[in-house]
N, C-alpha and C. Protein backbone atom coordinates (compact mmCIF):
# COMPACT_ATOMS: atom_id res chain seq x y z
N MET A 1 -6.76 -21.84 34.02
CA MET A 1 -6.01 -20.75 33.40
C MET A 1 -6.36 -20.69 31.90
N ARG A 2 -6.56 -19.51 31.41
CA ARG A 2 -6.89 -19.32 30.00
C ARG A 2 -5.66 -18.84 29.26
N SER A 3 -5.66 -19.14 27.97
CA SER A 3 -4.54 -18.66 27.14
C SER A 3 -5.10 -18.18 25.80
N ALA A 4 -4.30 -17.45 25.12
CA ALA A 4 -4.70 -16.93 23.81
C ALA A 4 -3.49 -16.90 22.90
N GLU A 5 -3.76 -17.07 21.63
CA GLU A 5 -2.69 -16.95 20.64
C GLU A 5 -2.91 -15.63 19.90
N VAL A 6 -1.88 -14.83 19.82
CA VAL A 6 -1.97 -13.52 19.17
C VAL A 6 -1.13 -13.54 17.90
N LYS A 7 -1.74 -13.12 16.81
CA LYS A 7 -1.03 -13.03 15.54
C LYS A 7 -1.10 -11.58 15.08
N ILE A 8 0.03 -10.98 14.84
CA ILE A 8 0.09 -9.59 14.38
C ILE A 8 0.14 -9.61 12.85
N ASP A 9 -0.87 -9.00 12.23
CA ASP A 9 -0.92 -8.90 10.77
C ASP A 9 -0.17 -7.64 10.37
N THR A 10 0.78 -7.78 9.49
CA THR A 10 1.59 -6.62 9.09
C THR A 10 0.96 -5.80 7.98
N GLY A 11 -0.25 -6.15 7.57
CA GLY A 11 -0.92 -5.35 6.56
C GLY A 11 -1.27 -6.14 5.32
N TYR A 12 -1.84 -5.44 4.38
CA TYR A 12 -2.26 -6.05 3.14
C TYR A 12 -1.20 -5.89 2.07
N LYS A 13 -1.24 -6.77 1.09
CA LYS A 13 -0.36 -6.63 -0.06
C LYS A 13 -0.87 -5.48 -0.93
N LEU A 14 -0.02 -5.00 -1.82
CA LEU A 14 -0.45 -3.95 -2.73
C LEU A 14 -1.60 -4.44 -3.60
N THR A 15 -2.51 -3.54 -3.90
CA THR A 15 -3.64 -3.84 -4.77
C THR A 15 -3.24 -3.45 -6.19
N VAL A 16 -3.15 -4.43 -7.07
CA VAL A 16 -2.71 -4.19 -8.44
C VAL A 16 -3.74 -4.79 -9.39
N ASN A 17 -4.29 -3.95 -10.26
CA ASN A 17 -5.27 -4.43 -11.23
C ASN A 17 -4.63 -5.37 -12.24
N ASP A 18 -5.38 -6.40 -12.59
CA ASP A 18 -4.94 -7.32 -13.64
C ASP A 18 -4.98 -6.57 -14.97
N GLU A 19 -3.86 -6.52 -15.68
CA GLU A 19 -3.77 -5.73 -16.92
C GLU A 19 -4.74 -6.20 -17.99
N LYS A 20 -4.85 -7.50 -18.19
CA LYS A 20 -5.74 -8.01 -19.23
C LYS A 20 -7.21 -7.73 -18.90
N LEU A 21 -7.58 -7.89 -17.63
CA LEU A 21 -8.95 -7.62 -17.23
C LEU A 21 -9.26 -6.13 -17.36
N THR A 22 -8.33 -5.29 -16.98
CA THR A 22 -8.52 -3.84 -17.11
C THR A 22 -8.73 -3.46 -18.57
N GLU A 23 -7.90 -3.98 -19.45
CA GLU A 23 -8.02 -3.68 -20.89
C GLU A 23 -9.36 -4.15 -21.43
N ARG A 24 -9.79 -5.32 -20.98
CA ARG A 24 -11.05 -5.88 -21.45
C ARG A 24 -12.27 -5.10 -20.93
N MET A 25 -12.18 -4.54 -19.73
CA MET A 25 -13.31 -3.87 -19.11
C MET A 25 -13.43 -2.39 -19.47
N LEU A 26 -12.36 -1.77 -19.93
CA LEU A 26 -12.41 -0.34 -20.24
C LEU A 26 -13.54 0.05 -21.19
N PRO A 27 -13.75 -0.66 -22.30
CA PRO A 27 -14.86 -0.28 -23.19
C PRO A 27 -16.22 -0.32 -22.49
N THR A 28 -16.45 -1.31 -21.65
CA THR A 28 -17.72 -1.41 -20.93
C THR A 28 -17.87 -0.27 -19.92
N LEU A 29 -16.80 0.01 -19.19
CA LEU A 29 -16.85 1.11 -18.22
C LEU A 29 -17.13 2.44 -18.92
N MET A 30 -16.51 2.64 -20.07
CA MET A 30 -16.72 3.88 -20.83
C MET A 30 -18.15 3.96 -21.36
N LYS A 31 -18.70 2.83 -21.78
CA LYS A 31 -20.07 2.82 -22.29
C LYS A 31 -21.06 3.13 -21.17
N VAL A 32 -20.86 2.55 -20.01
CA VAL A 32 -21.79 2.72 -18.90
C VAL A 32 -21.67 4.11 -18.25
N ALA A 33 -20.44 4.55 -18.00
CA ALA A 33 -20.24 5.82 -17.28
C ALA A 33 -20.04 7.00 -18.21
N GLY A 34 -19.78 6.73 -19.49
CA GLY A 34 -19.45 7.80 -20.43
C GLY A 34 -17.94 7.94 -20.51
N ALA A 35 -17.40 7.89 -21.71
CA ALA A 35 -15.95 7.92 -21.91
C ALA A 35 -15.25 9.06 -21.17
N PRO A 36 -15.80 10.28 -21.16
CA PRO A 36 -15.11 11.37 -20.45
C PRO A 36 -15.01 11.15 -18.94
N ASN A 37 -15.82 10.24 -18.42
CA ASN A 37 -15.83 9.99 -16.98
C ASN A 37 -14.94 8.83 -16.55
N VAL A 38 -14.23 8.23 -17.49
CA VAL A 38 -13.37 7.08 -17.18
C VAL A 38 -11.94 7.43 -17.52
N SER A 39 -11.05 7.18 -16.59
CA SER A 39 -9.62 7.38 -16.85
C SER A 39 -8.82 6.40 -16.02
N LEU A 40 -7.64 6.11 -16.50
CA LEU A 40 -6.73 5.25 -15.73
C LEU A 40 -6.00 6.14 -14.73
N ALA A 41 -6.08 5.78 -13.49
CA ALA A 41 -5.44 6.57 -12.44
C ALA A 41 -3.94 6.30 -12.42
N THR A 42 -3.20 7.28 -11.95
CA THR A 42 -1.77 7.04 -11.75
C THR A 42 -1.60 6.06 -10.61
N LYS A 43 -0.53 5.32 -10.62
CA LYS A 43 -0.30 4.31 -9.59
C LYS A 43 -0.02 4.98 -8.25
N VAL A 44 -0.58 4.37 -7.23
CA VAL A 44 -0.32 4.81 -5.85
C VAL A 44 0.13 3.57 -5.08
N THR A 45 0.79 3.78 -3.98
CA THR A 45 1.27 2.64 -3.21
C THR A 45 0.28 2.26 -2.12
N GLY A 46 -0.98 2.21 -2.49
CA GLY A 46 -2.02 1.87 -1.54
C GLY A 46 -2.21 0.37 -1.41
N ALA A 47 -2.60 -0.03 -0.24
CA ALA A 47 -2.94 -1.43 0.00
C ALA A 47 -4.40 -1.49 0.44
N GLU A 48 -5.03 -2.57 0.12
CA GLU A 48 -6.47 -2.70 0.35
C GLU A 48 -6.74 -4.18 0.55
N ASP A 49 -7.71 -4.54 1.38
CA ASP A 49 -8.00 -5.96 1.58
C ASP A 49 -8.48 -6.64 0.31
N PHE A 50 -8.87 -5.86 -0.69
CA PHE A 50 -9.24 -6.40 -2.00
C PHE A 50 -8.10 -7.24 -2.59
N SER A 51 -6.86 -6.92 -2.22
CA SER A 51 -5.71 -7.67 -2.74
C SER A 51 -5.78 -9.15 -2.35
N SER A 52 -6.47 -9.46 -1.27
CA SER A 52 -6.62 -10.87 -0.88
C SER A 52 -7.44 -11.63 -1.91
N TYR A 53 -8.48 -10.99 -2.45
CA TYR A 53 -9.26 -11.61 -3.53
C TYR A 53 -8.40 -11.78 -4.78
N GLN A 54 -7.57 -10.77 -5.05
CA GLN A 54 -6.75 -10.81 -6.26
C GLN A 54 -5.68 -11.89 -6.21
N GLU A 55 -5.43 -12.44 -5.06
CA GLU A 55 -4.53 -13.59 -4.98
C GLU A 55 -5.19 -14.83 -5.58
N LEU A 56 -6.52 -14.86 -5.59
CA LEU A 56 -7.26 -16.02 -6.07
C LEU A 56 -7.78 -15.89 -7.49
N VAL A 57 -8.22 -14.69 -7.85
CA VAL A 57 -8.77 -14.44 -9.19
C VAL A 57 -8.30 -13.08 -9.68
N PRO A 58 -8.24 -12.87 -11.00
CA PRO A 58 -7.89 -11.54 -11.51
C PRO A 58 -8.88 -10.50 -11.00
N GLY A 59 -8.40 -9.33 -10.64
CA GLY A 59 -9.27 -8.32 -10.07
C GLY A 59 -9.12 -6.96 -10.72
N LEU A 60 -10.15 -6.15 -10.58
CA LEU A 60 -10.16 -4.79 -11.11
C LEU A 60 -10.74 -3.89 -10.03
N PHE A 61 -9.90 -3.09 -9.41
CA PHE A 61 -10.30 -2.17 -8.35
C PHE A 61 -10.50 -0.81 -8.98
N ILE A 62 -11.69 -0.24 -8.82
CA ILE A 62 -11.96 1.06 -9.44
C ILE A 62 -12.38 2.07 -8.38
N PHE A 63 -12.18 3.32 -8.71
CA PHE A 63 -12.64 4.42 -7.87
C PHE A 63 -13.92 4.97 -8.50
N ILE A 64 -14.95 5.11 -7.70
CA ILE A 64 -16.20 5.67 -8.18
C ILE A 64 -16.15 7.17 -7.91
N GLY A 65 -16.34 7.96 -8.94
CA GLY A 65 -16.29 9.41 -8.78
C GLY A 65 -17.45 9.95 -7.98
N VAL A 66 -17.16 10.44 -6.79
CA VAL A 66 -18.22 11.00 -5.95
C VAL A 66 -17.90 12.43 -5.51
N THR A 67 -16.85 13.01 -6.09
CA THR A 67 -16.53 14.40 -5.76
C THR A 67 -17.64 15.28 -6.32
N PRO A 68 -18.17 16.19 -5.52
CA PRO A 68 -19.25 17.05 -6.01
C PRO A 68 -18.85 17.83 -7.26
N LYS A 69 -19.80 17.99 -8.18
CA LYS A 69 -19.54 18.73 -9.42
C LYS A 69 -19.02 20.13 -9.08
N GLY A 70 -18.02 20.56 -9.83
CA GLY A 70 -17.43 21.88 -9.62
C GLY A 70 -16.32 21.90 -8.59
N ALA A 71 -16.19 20.83 -7.79
CA ALA A 71 -15.12 20.77 -6.79
C ALA A 71 -13.84 20.26 -7.44
N ASP A 72 -12.71 20.76 -6.99
CA ASP A 72 -11.40 20.33 -7.50
C ASP A 72 -11.05 18.99 -6.86
N VAL A 73 -10.98 17.95 -7.67
CA VAL A 73 -10.69 16.61 -7.17
C VAL A 73 -9.36 16.59 -6.40
N ALA A 74 -8.38 17.33 -6.89
CA ALA A 74 -7.06 17.36 -6.24
C ALA A 74 -7.11 17.98 -4.85
N LYS A 75 -8.10 18.80 -4.59
CA LYS A 75 -8.20 19.48 -3.30
C LYS A 75 -9.29 18.91 -2.40
N ALA A 76 -10.07 17.97 -2.92
CA ALA A 76 -11.16 17.39 -2.14
C ALA A 76 -10.60 16.53 -1.01
N ALA A 77 -11.28 16.55 0.12
CA ALA A 77 -10.85 15.74 1.27
C ALA A 77 -10.97 14.26 0.93
N PRO A 78 -10.00 13.44 1.31
CA PRO A 78 -10.07 12.00 1.03
C PRO A 78 -11.14 11.32 1.86
N ASN A 79 -11.49 10.10 1.47
CA ASN A 79 -12.64 9.42 2.08
C ASN A 79 -12.50 9.10 3.56
N HIS A 80 -11.32 9.08 4.13
CA HIS A 80 -11.18 8.80 5.56
C HIS A 80 -11.02 10.08 6.37
N SER A 81 -11.26 11.21 5.76
CA SER A 81 -11.14 12.49 6.43
C SER A 81 -12.49 12.90 7.03
N PRO A 82 -12.49 13.58 8.18
CA PRO A 82 -13.75 14.07 8.73
C PRO A 82 -14.36 15.18 7.85
N ARG A 83 -13.57 15.73 6.91
CA ARG A 83 -14.07 16.77 6.00
C ARG A 83 -14.60 16.18 4.69
N PHE A 84 -14.56 14.85 4.57
CA PHE A 84 -15.02 14.19 3.34
C PHE A 84 -16.49 14.48 3.08
N PHE A 85 -16.81 14.83 1.85
CA PHE A 85 -18.18 15.05 1.43
C PHE A 85 -18.34 14.47 0.04
N MET A 86 -19.42 13.75 -0.18
CA MET A 86 -19.60 13.10 -1.49
C MET A 86 -20.93 13.44 -2.12
N ASP A 87 -20.92 13.39 -3.44
CA ASP A 87 -22.14 13.53 -4.23
C ASP A 87 -22.64 12.10 -4.47
N GLU A 88 -23.70 11.72 -3.80
CA GLU A 88 -24.19 10.34 -3.86
C GLU A 88 -24.70 9.94 -5.24
N ALA A 89 -24.88 10.88 -6.14
CA ALA A 89 -25.35 10.56 -7.50
C ALA A 89 -24.38 9.61 -8.20
N GLY A 90 -23.09 9.70 -7.88
CA GLY A 90 -22.10 8.81 -8.48
C GLY A 90 -22.31 7.36 -8.11
N LEU A 91 -22.99 7.10 -7.02
CA LEU A 91 -23.23 5.73 -6.60
C LEU A 91 -24.21 5.00 -7.52
N LEU A 92 -25.12 5.73 -8.12
CA LEU A 92 -26.11 5.10 -9.01
C LEU A 92 -25.43 4.37 -10.16
N THR A 93 -24.43 4.99 -10.75
CA THR A 93 -23.70 4.37 -11.85
C THR A 93 -22.64 3.41 -11.31
N GLY A 94 -21.93 3.84 -10.30
CA GLY A 94 -20.80 3.07 -9.80
C GLY A 94 -21.15 1.74 -9.15
N VAL A 95 -22.25 1.72 -8.48
CA VAL A 95 -22.62 0.50 -7.77
C VAL A 95 -23.50 -0.37 -8.66
């Protein structure tokens, strides 16, 4: 007879950027991407597996701008939508 142990994971903890690391990295991000292209996002109640890393070391989770030029970011389909479309040029700087 075989048996198995099942563990139900209730999800990830909130992903929260380390304030000191964020403050320290902003000048570099602005230099690399251009100051007009960098902004602090409003807080959202999103969870991400990245939070597991942040339990061990300070972390900085950023969004890479891939919304096509001229498109309204507020109206663009989110990344898990079948209507999602991205301008891959943002990956050159972001990655």
